[in-house]
Amino acid sequence: METFESEFPALWEILRATNDPQDRTVLTCDECFAIMEYLADCAVAGAKREAIFAAAQKHLARCPDCRIEHAERIQALEKLSRQSKE
């Protein structure tokens, strides 16, 4: 898997931060723009975020290869996130 360095956090990091149960998340303008851009793309395409997530979850539930790939991707991204904070 090819990765690249960016001065901005990845969209997955921004979205994960917004799941703070105590709602302490304060987004920067760039982070907010990244989320709005994704949501706008979904809206223009007629896609509903919940439906996209549900379809992916349904597929992962029945496809062991994708489930493994997904788990490995999460682990790799979490490792990168930890390393960037060191």
N, C-alpha and C. Protein backbone atom coordinates (compact mmCIF):
# COMPACT_ATOMS: atom_id res chain seq x y z
N MET A 1 0.84 -1.17 0.00
CA MET A 1 0.00 0.00 0.00
C MET A 1 0.89 1.24 0.00
N GLU A 2 0.64 2.13 -0.92
CA GLU A 2 1.42 3.35 -1.04
C GLU A 2 0.82 4.42 -0.14
N THR A 3 1.66 5.12 0.58
CA THR A 3 1.20 6.21 1.44
C THR A 3 1.93 7.48 1.06
N PHE A 4 1.38 8.60 1.47
CA PHE A 4 2.03 9.88 1.22
C PHE A 4 1.85 10.76 2.44
N GLU A 5 2.79 11.67 2.58
CA GLU A 5 2.74 12.61 3.70
C GLU A 5 1.93 13.83 3.29
N SER A 6 1.16 14.34 4.22
CA SER A 6 0.36 15.52 3.98
C SER A 6 0.46 16.43 5.19
N GLU A 7 0.35 17.72 4.94
CA GLU A 7 0.36 18.65 6.06
C GLU A 7 -0.97 18.65 6.79
N PHE A 8 -1.99 18.08 6.18
CA PHE A 8 -3.32 18.03 6.79
C PHE A 8 -3.61 16.62 7.29
N PRO A 9 -4.40 16.50 8.35
CA PRO A 9 -4.76 15.16 8.82
C PRO A 9 -5.63 14.46 7.78
N ALA A 10 -5.57 13.15 7.79
CA ALA A 10 -6.39 12.37 6.87
C ALA A 10 -7.86 12.52 7.26
N LEU A 11 -8.74 12.38 6.27
CA LEU A 11 -10.17 12.49 6.54
C LEU A 11 -10.60 11.51 7.62
N TRP A 12 -10.05 10.29 7.60
CA TRP A 12 -10.44 9.30 8.62
C TRP A 12 -10.07 9.79 10.02
N GLU A 13 -8.95 10.51 10.16
CA GLU A 13 -8.56 11.03 11.47
C GLU A 13 -9.53 12.12 11.93
N ILE A 14 -9.92 12.96 11.01
CA ILE A 14 -10.87 14.02 11.34
C ILE A 14 -12.20 13.42 11.75
N LEU A 15 -12.68 12.46 10.96
CA LEU A 15 -13.97 11.84 11.28
C LEU A 15 -13.92 11.09 12.59
N ARG A 16 -12.82 10.40 12.86
CA ARG A 16 -12.69 9.68 14.12
C ARG A 16 -12.70 10.66 15.29
N ALA A 17 -12.06 11.79 15.13
CA ALA A 17 -12.04 12.80 16.20
C ALA A 17 -13.43 13.34 16.49
N THR A 18 -14.28 13.40 15.47
CA THR A 18 -15.63 13.92 15.68
C THR A 18 -16.51 12.95 16.45
N ASN A 19 -16.04 11.73 16.68
CA ASN A 19 -16.80 10.75 17.46
C ASN A 19 -16.54 10.87 18.96
N ASP A 20 -15.92 11.95 19.38
CA ASP A 20 -15.64 12.18 20.79
C ASP A 20 -16.96 12.21 21.55
N PRO A 21 -17.17 11.26 22.48
CA PRO A 21 -18.45 11.21 23.20
C PRO A 21 -18.72 12.45 24.06
N GLN A 22 -17.67 13.16 24.42
CA GLN A 22 -17.85 14.37 25.23
C GLN A 22 -17.90 15.63 24.36
N ASP A 23 -17.90 15.43 23.05
CA ASP A 23 -18.04 16.52 22.08
C ASP A 23 -17.05 17.65 22.35
N ARG A 24 -15.78 17.30 22.49
CA ARG A 24 -14.73 18.29 22.72
C ARG A 24 -14.02 18.66 21.42
N THR A 25 -14.48 18.14 20.31
CA THR A 25 -13.80 18.35 19.04
C THR A 25 -13.96 19.78 18.55
N VAL A 26 -12.85 20.40 18.23
CA VAL A 26 -12.86 21.72 17.61
C VAL A 26 -12.09 21.57 16.31
N LEU A 27 -12.80 21.66 15.20
CA LEU A 27 -12.17 21.48 13.89
C LEU A 27 -11.52 22.76 13.43
N THR A 28 -10.42 22.60 12.71
CA THR A 28 -9.83 23.75 12.03
C THR A 28 -10.65 23.99 10.76
N CYS A 29 -10.43 25.12 10.13
CA CYS A 29 -11.13 25.41 8.87
C CYS A 29 -10.80 24.35 7.82
N ASP A 30 -9.53 23.94 7.73
CA ASP A 30 -9.13 22.93 6.75
C ASP A 30 -9.82 21.59 7.01
N GLU A 31 -9.91 21.21 8.28
CA GLU A 31 -10.57 19.94 8.63
C GLU A 31 -12.05 20.01 8.29
N CYS A 32 -12.68 21.12 8.63
CA CYS A 32 -14.10 21.29 8.33
C CYS A 32 -14.32 21.26 6.81
N PHE A 33 -13.44 21.91 6.06
CA PHE A 33 -13.56 21.92 4.61
C PHE A 33 -13.44 20.51 4.04
N ALA A 34 -12.51 19.71 4.58
CA ALA A 34 -12.34 18.34 4.09
C ALA A 34 -13.62 17.54 4.29
N ILE A 35 -14.25 17.69 5.44
CA ILE A 35 -15.50 16.98 5.70
C ILE A 35 -16.61 17.49 4.78
N MET A 36 -16.72 18.81 4.66
CA MET A 36 -17.78 19.37 3.81
C MET A 36 -17.59 18.97 2.35
N GLU A 37 -16.35 18.90 1.89
CA GLU A 37 -16.08 18.49 0.51
C GLU A 37 -16.55 17.05 0.28
N TYR A 38 -16.25 16.16 1.23
CA TYR A 38 -16.70 14.77 1.12
C TYR A 38 -18.23 14.71 1.12
N LEU A 39 -18.87 15.42 2.04
CA LEU A 39 -20.33 15.39 2.12
C LEU A 39 -20.96 15.97 0.86
N ALA A 40 -20.35 17.02 0.31
CA ALA A 40 -20.87 17.60 -0.93
C ALA A 40 -20.75 16.62 -2.08
N ASP A 41 -19.61 15.92 -2.16
CA ASP A 41 -19.44 14.91 -3.20
C ASP A 41 -20.51 13.83 -3.08
N CYS A 42 -20.77 13.39 -1.86
CA CYS A 42 -21.81 12.37 -1.64
C CYS A 42 -23.18 12.90 -2.05
N ALA A 43 -23.48 14.14 -1.68
CA ALA A 43 -24.78 14.72 -2.00
C ALA A 43 -24.97 14.86 -3.51
N VAL A 44 -23.94 15.34 -4.20
CA VAL A 44 -24.03 15.51 -5.65
C VAL A 44 -24.22 14.16 -6.34
N ALA A 45 -23.58 13.14 -5.81
CA ALA A 45 -23.71 11.80 -6.38
C ALA A 45 -25.02 11.13 -5.98
N GLY A 46 -25.78 11.79 -5.11
CA GLY A 46 -27.04 11.22 -4.66
C GLY A 46 -26.86 10.13 -3.60
N ALA A 47 -25.66 10.05 -3.05
CA ALA A 47 -25.37 9.01 -2.06
C ALA A 47 -25.69 9.50 -0.65
N LYS A 48 -26.16 8.60 0.14
CA LYS A 48 -26.41 8.89 1.56
C LYS A 48 -25.29 8.25 2.36
N ARG A 49 -24.66 9.04 3.23
CA ARG A 49 -23.53 8.53 4.02
C ARG A 49 -23.90 7.26 4.77
N GLU A 50 -25.06 7.26 5.38
CA GLU A 50 -25.47 6.10 6.17
C GLU A 50 -25.59 4.86 5.30
N ALA A 51 -26.10 5.04 4.08
CA ALA A 51 -26.26 3.91 3.17
C ALA A 51 -24.89 3.38 2.71
N ILE A 52 -23.95 4.29 2.49
CA ILE A 52 -22.60 3.88 2.09
C ILE A 52 -21.95 3.08 3.21
N PHE A 53 -22.04 3.59 4.43
CA PHE A 53 -21.46 2.90 5.57
C PHE A 53 -22.13 1.54 5.79
N ALA A 54 -23.45 1.50 5.70
CA ALA A 54 -24.19 0.25 5.90
C ALA A 54 -23.81 -0.78 4.84
N ALA A 55 -23.67 -0.35 3.60
CA ALA A 55 -23.29 -1.28 2.52
C ALA A 55 -21.90 -1.84 2.76
N ALA A 56 -20.98 -0.98 3.19
CA ALA A 56 -19.61 -1.45 3.47
C ALA A 56 -19.61 -2.42 4.64
N GLN A 57 -20.35 -2.11 5.70
CA GLN A 57 -20.43 -3.00 6.86
C GLN A 57 -21.04 -4.35 6.48
N LYS A 58 -22.06 -4.32 5.65
CA LYS A 58 -22.71 -5.56 5.20
C LYS A 58 -21.73 -6.42 4.42
N HIS A 59 -20.96 -5.79 3.55
CA HIS A 59 -19.98 -6.53 2.76
C HIS A 59 -18.90 -7.11 3.67
N LEU A 60 -18.40 -6.30 4.60
CA LEU A 60 -17.35 -6.77 5.51
C LEU A 60 -17.84 -7.95 6.35
N ALA A 61 -19.11 -7.96 6.68
CA ALA A 61 -19.66 -9.04 7.50
C ALA A 61 -19.62 -10.38 6.78
N ARG A 62 -19.66 -10.35 5.44
CA ARG A 62 -19.70 -11.63 4.72
C ARG A 62 -18.47 -11.91 3.86
N CYS A 63 -17.49 -11.01 3.87
CA CYS A 63 -16.30 -11.20 3.04
C CYS A 63 -15.04 -11.21 3.91
N PRO A 64 -14.50 -12.39 4.19
CA PRO A 64 -13.33 -12.46 5.06
C PRO A 64 -12.10 -11.75 4.48
N ASP A 65 -11.91 -11.77 3.17
CA ASP A 65 -10.75 -11.10 2.57
C ASP A 65 -10.80 -9.59 2.82
N CYS A 66 -11.96 -9.00 2.58
CA CYS A 66 -12.10 -7.56 2.79
C CYS A 66 -12.04 -7.21 4.28
N ARG A 67 -12.57 -8.09 5.12
CA ARG A 67 -12.53 -7.88 6.56
C ARG A 67 -11.07 -7.83 7.04
N ILE A 68 -10.25 -8.75 6.53
CA ILE A 68 -8.83 -8.76 6.88
C ILE A 68 -8.15 -7.50 6.36
N GLU A 69 -8.40 -7.15 5.11
CA GLU A 69 -7.81 -5.94 4.52
C GLU A 69 -8.21 -4.70 5.31
N HIS A 70 -9.47 -4.62 5.69
CA HIS A 70 -9.98 -3.48 6.46
C HIS A 70 -9.28 -3.40 7.82
N ALA A 71 -9.17 -4.53 8.50
CA ALA A 71 -8.51 -4.56 9.81
C ALA A 71 -7.04 -4.16 9.69
N GLU A 72 -6.37 -4.66 8.66
CA GLU A 72 -4.97 -4.31 8.45
C GLU A 72 -4.81 -2.82 8.15
N ARG A 73 -5.73 -2.28 7.38
CA ARG A 73 -5.69 -0.85 7.04
C ARG A 73 -5.88 0.00 8.30
N ILE A 74 -6.84 -0.39 9.12
CA ILE A 74 -7.08 0.33 10.38
C ILE A 74 -5.83 0.30 11.25
N GLN A 75 -5.23 -0.88 11.37
CA GLN A 75 -4.02 -1.02 12.19
C GLN A 75 -2.89 -0.14 11.65
N ALA A 76 -2.71 -0.15 10.34
CA ALA A 76 -1.64 0.66 9.73
C ALA A 76 -1.89 2.15 9.94
N LEU A 77 -3.13 2.58 9.78
CA LEU A 77 -3.45 3.99 9.95
C LEU A 77 -3.32 4.42 11.41
N GLU A 78 -3.73 3.55 12.33
CA GLU A 78 -3.57 3.86 13.75
C GLU A 78 -2.10 3.96 14.12
N LYS A 79 -1.28 3.08 13.55
CA LYS A 79 0.16 3.12 13.80
C LYS A 79 0.74 4.44 13.29
N LEU A 80 0.36 4.84 12.08
CA LEU A 80 0.82 6.12 11.53
C LEU A 80 0.38 7.28 12.40
N SER A 81 -0.83 7.21 12.89
CA SER A 81 -1.35 8.27 13.74
C SER A 81 -0.55 8.37 15.03
N ARG A 82 -0.25 7.23 15.64
CA ARG A 82 0.56 7.22 16.86
C ARG A 82 1.96 7.77 16.59
N GLN A 83 2.55 7.35 15.48
CA GLN A 83 3.91 7.80 15.14
C GLN A 83 3.95 9.30 14.90
N SER A 84 2.92 9.84 14.30
CA SER A 84 2.91 11.27 14.01
C SER A 84 2.77 12.11 15.28
N LYS A 85 2.28 11.49 16.34
CA LYS A 85 2.12 12.21 17.61
C LYS A 85 3.36 12.13 18.48
N GLU A 86 4.33 11.30 18.08
CA GLU A 86 5.57 11.14 18.87
C GLU A 86 6.57 12.22 18.57
